[in-house]
Amino acid sequence: APLVKAAASAALARMGDPRGIEGLRVALGAWREGTREYALGIVAVLGLDALAPEVVAIAKKPGGVEPAILRAALEALAGRSPEAKAALADLS
């Protein structure tokens, strides 16, 4: 299940394993309910800069993503990603 794969990817990312980033990238592109939001939450908690382009893309077309979760992910990335900072400003 996509959510289980996202959780495994989150564990890998917490350990610094690059496979976790790739798995979360896939989860951020998923349309299954909860999977993208879960991955956005992990990005927010871990501040995964490598996923900034995917988070910015979601901000442009949020497609049902909870705004508070998206905002938290953008806030976590905004200090190191000009694109995330701009997307965060656009949400306001």
Protein backbone atom coordinates (compact mmCIF):
# COMPACT_ATOMS: atom_id res chain seq x y z
CA ALA A 1 0.00 0.00 0.00
CA PRO A 2 1.31 3.50 -0.80
CA LEU A 3 0.98 4.73 2.76
CA VAL A 4 3.00 1.80 4.09
CA LYS A 5 5.70 2.48 1.48
CA ALA A 6 5.69 6.15 2.51
CA ALA A 7 6.14 5.18 6.16
CA ALA A 8 9.06 2.91 5.28
CA SER A 9 10.56 5.71 3.21
CA ALA A 10 10.18 8.10 6.13
CA ALA A 11 12.09 5.69 8.36
CA LEU A 12 14.87 5.45 5.79
CA ALA A 13 15.01 9.24 5.44
CA ARG A 14 15.29 9.61 9.22
CA MET A 15 18.33 7.33 9.08
CA GLY A 16 19.87 9.38 6.29
CA ASP A 17 19.35 6.71 3.64
CA PRO A 18 18.81 8.31 0.20
CA ARG A 19 16.25 5.62 -0.69
CA GLY A 20 13.95 7.35 1.78
CA ILE A 21 14.03 10.57 -0.22
CA GLU A 22 13.16 8.71 -3.40
CA GLY A 23 10.30 6.87 -1.73
CA LEU A 24 8.91 10.10 -0.30
CA ARG A 25 9.21 11.70 -3.73
CA VAL A 26 6.93 8.96 -5.06
CA ALA A 27 4.54 9.47 -2.13
CA LEU A 28 4.37 13.21 -2.83
CA GLY A 29 3.20 12.36 -6.34
CA ALA A 30 0.53 9.93 -5.15
CA TRP A 31 -3.15 10.78 -5.36
CA ARG A 32 -4.28 8.20 -2.84
CA GLU A 33 -5.97 9.80 0.15
CA GLY A 34 -3.56 10.52 2.96
CA THR A 35 -0.34 9.50 1.23
CA ARG A 36 0.66 12.96 -0.02
CA GLU A 37 -0.33 14.55 3.27
CA TYR A 38 1.71 12.01 5.21
CA ALA A 39 4.76 12.69 3.03
CA LEU A 40 4.27 16.47 3.40
CA GLY A 41 4.20 16.01 7.16
CA ILE A 42 7.48 14.11 7.05
CA VAL A 43 9.02 16.85 4.90
CA ALA A 44 7.87 19.41 7.48
CA VAL A 45 9.30 17.47 10.42
CA LEU A 46 12.60 16.52 8.80
CA GLY A 47 13.06 19.62 6.61
CA LEU A 48 13.97 17.54 3.56
CA ASP A 49 15.34 20.17 1.19
CA ALA A 50 15.76 17.66 -1.62
CA LEU A 51 11.97 17.45 -1.87
CA ALA A 52 11.37 21.20 -2.18
CA PRO A 53 10.51 21.03 -5.93
CA GLU A 54 7.81 18.44 -5.27
CA VAL A 55 6.34 20.42 -2.38
CA VAL A 56 6.29 23.59 -4.49
CA ALA A 57 4.54 21.68 -7.28
CA ILE A 58 1.88 20.53 -4.81
CA ALA A 59 1.44 24.13 -3.65
CA LYS A 60 0.64 25.11 -7.25
CA LYS A 61 -2.00 22.36 -7.54
CA PRO A 62 -2.89 21.24 -4.00
CA GLY A 63 -5.67 18.90 -5.12
CA GLY A 64 -7.35 18.41 -1.75
CA VAL A 65 -4.25 18.54 0.45
CA GLU A 66 -4.91 19.98 3.90
CA PRO A 67 -3.67 23.62 3.73
CA ALA A 68 -2.10 23.54 7.20
CA ILE A 69 0.05 20.53 6.30
CA LEU A 70 1.17 22.10 3.05
CA ARG A 71 1.97 25.36 4.86
CA ALA A 72 4.05 23.53 7.47
CA ALA A 73 6.10 21.79 4.77
CA LEU A 74 6.70 25.05 2.92
CA GLU A 75 7.66 26.81 6.15
CA ALA A 76 10.20 24.08 6.92
CA LEU A 77 11.79 24.56 3.50
CA ALA A 78 11.42 28.33 3.01
CA GLY A 79 14.68 29.24 4.76
CA ARG A 80 16.74 27.25 2.27
CA SER A 81 14.56 27.24 -0.85
CA PRO A 82 13.59 30.49 -2.60
CA GLU A 83 10.92 28.57 -4.51
CA ALA A 84 9.36 27.28 -1.29
CA LYS A 85 9.50 30.77 0.18
CA ALA A 86 7.68 32.18 -2.86
CA ALA A 87 5.07 29.41 -2.76
CA LEU A 88 4.52 30.10 0.94
CA ALA A 89 3.98 33.78 0.19
CA ASP A 90 1.46 32.84 -2.51
CA LEU A 91 -0.56 30.85 0.04
CA SER A 92 -1.10 33.95 2.14
